[in-house]
Amino acid sequence: MEEDVREVRVRCTRHLAELHRLHLTLLGETRWLKRFTTEGRASVEIEIVAELMEQYLSASDAFLENMRGRMEARLGLLRRGEPLVNGRPEDAPGHGGFWLSFSRLCAVLRRAAR
């Protein structure tokens, strides 16, 4: 069971590292755009950067909205996963950690909704 958790975290970490590398690559590409301005064609740089940022924000917004929608739909089920001992959550090991994690998820969802 813990192996599954570790494996999922490792895969997600790899994907985030790949995303970070792509961000750096995009930044590197945009450094070359300033040549258009120095050549007297600032409108070309403006157009390309605006298009790049619009596409990036659109893709990022779509990802966040998808994840937010999925997780908001599951909040009730997730909440019912609270650990219990003898039918009492207060007696269960991990009770505080569960609610801390649940609160953290709710805060992230609120932030993504902005």
C-alpha atoms as a PDB file:
ATOM      1  CA  MET A   1       0.000   0.000   0.000  1.00  0.00           C
ATOM      2  CA  GLU A   2       2.737   2.487   0.921  1.00  0.00           C
ATOM      3  CA  GLU A   3       4.610   1.415  -2.200  1.00  0.00           C
ATOM      4  CA  ASP A   4       1.627   2.531  -4.317  1.00  0.00           C
ATOM      5  CA  VAL A   5       1.614   5.926  -2.596  1.00  0.00           C
ATOM      6  CA  ARG A   6       5.344   6.360  -3.129  1.00  0.00           C
ATOM      7  CA  GLU A   7       5.066   5.339  -6.780  1.00  0.00           C
ATOM      8  CA  VAL A   8       2.291   7.865  -7.484  1.00  0.00           C
ATOM      9  CA  ARG A   9       4.253  10.626  -5.757  1.00  0.00           C
ATOM     10  CA  VAL A  10       7.400   9.778  -7.731  1.00  0.00           C
ATOM     11  CA  ARG A  11       5.484   9.830 -11.039  1.00  0.00           C
ATOM     12  CA  CYS A  12       3.847  13.163 -10.233  1.00  0.00           C
ATOM     13  CA  THR A  13       7.196  14.607  -9.142  1.00  0.00           C
ATOM     14  CA  ARG A  14       8.733  13.487 -12.441  1.00  0.00           C
ATOM     15  CA  HIS A  15       5.923  15.152 -14.396  1.00  0.00           C
ATOM     16  CA  LEU A  16       6.337  18.380 -12.439  1.00  0.00           C
ATOM     17  CA  ALA A  17      10.102  18.312 -13.059  1.00  0.00           C
ATOM     18  CA  GLU A  18       9.416  17.833 -16.769  1.00  0.00           C
ATOM     19  CA  LEU A  19       6.986  20.752 -16.684  1.00  0.00           C
ATOM     20  CA  HIS A  20       9.645  22.879 -14.989  1.00  0.00           C
ATOM     21  CA  ARG A  21      12.139  21.960 -17.719  1.00  0.00           C
ATOM     22  CA  LEU A  22       9.582  22.979 -20.341  1.00  0.00           C
ATOM     23  CA  HIS A  23       9.084  26.307 -18.554  1.00  0.00           C
ATOM     24  CA  LEU A  24      12.828  26.930 -18.669  1.00  0.00           C
ATOM     25  CA  THR A  25      12.919  25.995 -22.348  1.00  0.00           C
ATOM     26  CA  LEU A  26      10.101  28.426 -23.120  1.00  0.00           C
ATOM     27  CA  LEU A  27      11.880  31.166 -21.190  1.00  0.00           C
ATOM     28  CA  GLY A  28      15.035  30.460 -23.168  1.00  0.00           C
ATOM     29  CA  GLU A  29      13.139  30.761 -26.422  1.00  0.00           C
ATOM     30  CA  THR A  30      11.602  34.063 -25.404  1.00  0.00           C
ATOM     31  CA  ARG A  31      15.045  35.557 -24.719  1.00  0.00           C
ATOM     32  CA  TRP A  32      15.637  35.508 -28.465  1.00  0.00           C
ATOM     33  CA  LEU A  33      12.508  37.544 -29.074  1.00  0.00           C
ATOM     34  CA  LYS A  34      14.119  40.782 -27.923  1.00  0.00           C
ATOM     35  CA  ARG A  35      16.060  40.820 -31.184  1.00  0.00           C
ATOM     36  CA  PHE A  36      12.852  41.819 -32.959  1.00  0.00           C
ATOM     37  CA  THR A  37      12.629  44.938 -30.811  1.00  0.00           C
ATOM     38  CA  THR A  38      16.296  45.803 -31.268  1.00  0.00           C
ATOM     39  CA  GLU A  39      15.749  45.423 -35.031  1.00  0.00           C
ATOM     40  CA  GLY A  40      12.901  47.933 -34.866  1.00  0.00           C
ATOM     41  CA  ARG A  41      10.096  45.347 -34.995  1.00  0.00           C
ATOM     42  CA  ALA A  42       8.739  45.516 -31.441  1.00  0.00           C
ATOM     43  CA  SER A  43       5.250  44.629 -32.654  1.00  0.00           C
ATOM     44  CA  VAL A  44       6.495  41.149 -33.628  1.00  0.00           C
ATOM     45  CA  GLU A  45       7.875  40.537 -30.126  1.00  0.00           C
ATOM     46  CA  ILE A  46       4.662  41.850 -28.576  1.00  0.00           C
ATOM     47  CA  GLU A  47       2.489  39.624 -30.780  1.00  0.00           C
ATOM     48  CA  ILE A  48       4.496  36.452 -30.147  1.00  0.00           C
ATOM     49  CA  VAL A  49       4.749  36.991 -26.378  1.00  0.00           C
ATOM     50  CA  ALA A  50       1.044  37.822 -26.067  1.00  0.00           C
ATOM     51  CA  GLU A  51       0.137  34.691 -28.038  1.00  0.00           C
ATOM     52  CA  LEU A  52       2.498  32.526 -25.978  1.00  0.00           C
ATOM     53  CA  MET A  53       1.162  33.834 -22.685  1.00  0.00           C
ATOM     54  CA  GLU A  54      -2.472  33.504 -23.789  1.00  0.00           C
ATOM     55  CA  GLN A  55      -1.940  29.894 -24.808  1.00  0.00           C
ATOM     56  CA  TYR A  56      -0.024  29.112 -21.620  1.00  0.00           C
ATOM     57  CA  LEU A  57      -2.674  30.685 -19.382  1.00  0.00           C
ATOM     58  CA  SER A  58      -5.436  28.925 -21.281  1.00  0.00           C
ATOM     59  CA  ALA A  59      -3.772  25.527 -20.866  1.00  0.00           C
ATOM     60  CA  SER A  60      -2.969  26.181 -17.193  1.00  0.00           C
ATOM     61  CA  ASP A  61      -6.488  27.427 -16.476  1.00  0.00           C
ATOM     62  CA  ALA A  62      -7.979  24.362 -18.173  1.00  0.00           C
ATOM     63  CA  PHE A  63      -5.794  22.037 -16.086  1.00  0.00           C
ATOM     64  CA  LEU A  64      -6.658  23.820 -12.825  1.00  0.00           C
ATOM     65  CA  GLU A  65     -10.371  23.918 -13.615  1.00  0.00           C
ATOM     66  CA  ASN A  66     -10.375  20.219 -14.472  1.00  0.00           C
ATOM     67  CA  MET A  67      -8.545  19.250 -11.262  1.00  0.00           C
ATOM     68  CA  ARG A  68     -10.639  21.636  -9.159  1.00  0.00           C
ATOM     69  CA  GLY A  69     -13.877  20.241 -10.577  1.00  0.00           C
ATOM     70  CA  ARG A  70     -12.798  16.649 -10.020  1.00  0.00           C
ATOM     71  CA  MET A  71     -11.734  17.230  -6.446  1.00  0.00           C
ATOM     72  CA  GLU A  72     -14.703  19.408  -5.485  1.00  0.00           C
ATOM     73  CA  ALA A  73     -16.999  16.647  -6.733  1.00  0.00           C
ATOM     74  CA  ARG A  74     -15.154  14.185  -4.481  1.00  0.00           C
ATOM     75  CA  LEU A  75     -15.009  16.287  -1.308  1.00  0.00           C
ATOM     76  CA  GLY A  76     -17.982  14.528   0.283  1.00  0.00           C
ATOM     77  CA  LEU A  77     -16.519  11.096  -0.373  1.00  0.00           C
ATOM     78  CA  LEU A  78     -13.099  12.209   0.815  1.00  0.00           C
ATOM     79  CA  ARG A  79     -14.598  13.633   3.997  1.00  0.00           C
ATOM     80  CA  ARG A  80     -16.302  10.338   4.729  1.00  0.00           C
ATOM     81  CA  GLY A  81     -12.859   8.691   4.581  1.00  0.00           C
ATOM     82  CA  GLU A  82     -12.019  10.147   7.987  1.00  0.00           C
ATOM     83  CA  PRO A  83     -10.316   7.550  10.204  1.00  0.00           C
ATOM     84  CA  LEU A  84     -12.530   6.119  12.967  1.00  0.00           C
ATOM     85  CA  VAL A  85     -11.887   4.006  16.045  1.00  0.00           C
ATOM     86  CA  ASN A  86     -14.972   2.554  17.732  1.00  0.00           C
ATOM     87  CA  GLY A  87     -17.050   4.873  15.568  1.00  0.00           C
ATOM     88  CA  ARG A  88     -15.311   7.909  16.999  1.00  0.00           C
ATOM     89  CA  PRO A  89     -13.000  10.042  14.901  1.00  0.00           C
ATOM     90  CA  GLU A  90     -11.407  11.706  17.945  1.00  0.00           C
ATOM     91  CA  ASP A  91      -9.956   8.357  19.049  1.00  0.00           C
ATOM     92  CA  ALA A  92      -8.475   7.458  15.683  1.00  0.00           C
ATOM     93  CA  PRO A  93      -4.760   7.798  15.074  1.00  0.00           C
ATOM     94  CA  GLY A  94      -4.214  10.251  12.278  1.00  0.00           C
ATOM     95  CA  HIS A  95      -7.449  12.155  12.954  1.00  0.00           C
ATOM     96  CA  GLY A  96      -5.676  15.519  13.210  1.00  0.00           C
ATOM     97  CA  GLY A  97      -3.472  14.828  10.207  1.00  0.00           C
ATOM     98  CA  PHE A  98      -6.503  13.870   8.139  1.00  0.00           C
ATOM     99  CA  TRP A  99      -8.251  17.165   8.856  1.00  0.00           C
ATOM    100  CA  LEU A 100      -5.084  19.148   8.317  1.00  0.00           C
ATOM    101  CA  SER A 101      -4.718  17.550   4.867  1.00  0.00           C
ATOM    102  CA  PHE A 102      -8.420  18.011   4.106  1.00  0.00           C
ATOM    103  CA  SER A 103      -8.221  21.696   5.076  1.00  0.00           C
ATOM    104  CA  ARG A 104      -5.122  22.108   2.934  1.00  0.00           C
ATOM    105  CA  LEU A 105      -6.973  20.624  -0.064  1.00  0.00           C
ATOM    106  CA  CYS A 106      -9.930  22.955   0.502  1.00  0.00           C
ATOM    107  CA  ALA A 107      -7.586  25.964   0.675  1.00  0.00           C
ATOM    108  CA  VAL A 108      -5.898  24.938  -2.574  1.00  0.00           C
ATOM    109  CA  LEU A 109      -9.292  24.495  -4.249  1.00  0.00           C
ATOM    110  CA  ARG A 110     -10.373  27.978  -3.121  1.00  0.00           C
ATOM    111  CA  ARG A 111      -7.120  29.407  -4.447  1.00  0.00           C
ATOM    112  CA  ALA A 112      -7.591  27.626  -7.793  1.00  0.00           C
ATOM    113  CA  ALA A 113     -11.120  29.029  -8.053  1.00  0.00           C
ATOM    114  CA  ARG A 114      -9.818  32.622  -8.071  1.00  0.00           C
END
